[in-house]
Amino acid sequence: MASRKKKTSYTQQLAGVATMGLPAPVQKVATSKLGSKILLILIPVLIASGVITITFSGGMPTINVNKDRAAAVGRDLQTEAFKAAQKVKQYGDSSYR
């Protein structure tokens, strides 16, 4: 019986390279099928929103997390989610159907 090697996607391979210096449990989650897709979407969003900044000094990248900006983004998301829930409730209560 031939053994089958588990095929990894490009996103899993990219996540494996990106998480090379992290602990093994984190790498395992990041290189899973779902984890790698979430990272592929989440990291650019965090960079674009200013929560994560990457600076290069001497050719080495340094990743910084802005905790104040993360808290502000979290509050904005909470407010928008509440507004969306109210809208959905309003549409459900009305005779819009």
Protein backbone atom coordinates (compact mmCIF):
# COMPACT_ATOMS: atom_id res chain seq x y z
CA MET A 1 0.00 0.00 0.00
CA ALA A 2 1.51 3.29 -1.08
CA SER A 3 1.51 6.16 1.36
CA ARG A 4 -0.14 9.35 0.21
CA LYS A 5 1.59 12.59 0.95
CA LYS A 6 -0.68 15.38 2.12
CA LYS A 7 -0.79 18.08 -0.54
CA THR A 8 -0.43 21.64 0.71
CA SER A 9 -1.77 24.70 -1.05
CA TYR A 10 0.25 27.78 -1.90
CA THR A 11 -1.40 29.71 0.94
CA GLN A 12 -0.39 26.98 3.39
CA GLN A 13 3.19 27.06 2.12
CA LEU A 14 3.26 30.87 2.36
CA ALA A 15 1.87 30.75 5.91
CA GLY A 16 4.54 28.19 6.80
CA VAL A 17 7.30 30.51 5.62
CA ALA A 18 5.73 33.53 7.33
CA THR A 19 5.41 31.75 10.68
CA MET A 20 8.83 30.09 10.61
CA GLY A 21 10.06 31.66 13.86
CA LEU A 22 6.88 31.07 15.85
CA PRO A 23 6.14 28.16 18.21
CA ALA A 24 5.04 24.85 16.68
CA PRO A 25 1.36 25.04 17.80
CA VAL A 26 0.99 28.46 16.18
CA GLN A 27 2.63 27.19 13.00
CA LYS A 28 0.29 24.20 12.92
CA VAL A 29 -2.81 26.40 13.13
CA ALA A 30 -1.43 28.94 10.64
CA THR A 31 -0.58 26.26 8.07
CA SER A 32 -3.95 24.51 8.28
CA LYS A 33 -6.28 24.99 5.31
CA LEU A 34 -8.58 27.40 7.12
CA GLY A 35 -5.85 29.14 9.12
CA SER A 36 -3.78 29.96 6.06
CA LYS A 37 -6.77 31.47 4.25
CA ILE A 38 -7.69 33.56 7.27
CA LEU A 39 -4.11 34.84 7.53
CA LEU A 40 -4.06 35.66 3.83
CA ILE A 41 -7.09 37.91 4.33
CA LEU A 42 -6.53 39.17 7.88
CA ILE A 43 -2.91 40.35 7.69
CA PRO A 44 -3.42 42.81 4.78
CA VAL A 45 -6.57 44.17 6.48
CA LEU A 46 -4.66 44.75 9.73
CA ILE A 47 -1.83 46.46 7.85
CA ALA A 48 -4.24 48.65 5.86
CA SER A 49 -6.13 49.68 9.00
CA GLY A 50 -2.90 50.67 10.77
CA VAL A 51 -3.07 48.05 13.51
CA ILE A 52 0.12 46.39 12.27
CA THR A 53 3.07 48.31 10.87
CA ILE A 54 6.16 46.84 9.27
CA THR A 55 9.41 48.80 9.32
CA PHE A 56 12.74 47.78 7.88
CA SER A 57 15.95 48.57 9.71
CA GLY A 58 19.22 47.21 8.44
CA GLY A 59 17.43 44.94 5.99
CA MET A 60 15.48 43.17 8.75
CA PRO A 61 11.71 43.67 9.05
CA THR A 62 10.26 44.70 12.39
CA ILE A 63 6.56 44.16 13.02
CA ASN A 64 4.84 46.52 15.45
CA VAL A 65 1.30 46.25 16.81
CA ASN A 66 -0.41 49.53 17.65
CA LYS A 67 -2.63 48.62 20.63
CA ASP A 68 -4.40 51.99 20.67
CA ARG A 69 -5.31 51.68 17.00
CA ALA A 70 -6.45 48.07 17.55
CA ALA A 71 -8.76 49.22 20.36
CA ALA A 72 -10.17 52.00 18.16
CA VAL A 73 -10.78 49.59 15.26
CA GLY A 74 -12.43 47.17 17.67
CA ARG A 75 -14.78 49.88 18.94
CA ASP A 76 -15.63 50.93 15.37
CA LEU A 77 -16.38 47.33 14.42
CA GLN A 78 -18.57 46.89 17.47
CA THR A 79 -20.53 50.04 16.63
CA GLU A 80 -21.00 49.01 12.99
CA ALA A 81 -22.07 45.49 13.98
CA PHE A 82 -24.66 46.93 16.38
CA LYS A 83 -26.02 49.23 13.66
CA ALA A 84 -26.21 46.34 11.19
CA ALA A 85 -28.04 44.18 13.75
CA GLN A 86 -30.55 46.96 14.37
CA LYS A 87 -31.15 47.31 10.63
CA VAL A 88 -31.70 43.58 10.22
CA LYS A 89 -34.10 43.59 13.17
CA GLN A 90 -35.95 46.56 11.69
CA TYR A 91 -36.36 44.80 8.36
CA GLY A 92 -37.57 41.67 10.13
CA ASP A 93 -40.15 43.59 12.20
CA SER A 94 -41.58 45.59 9.31
CA SER A 95 -44.05 44.35 6.75
CA TYR A 96 -41.28 44.59 4.16
CA ARG A 97 -41.59 40.91 3.29
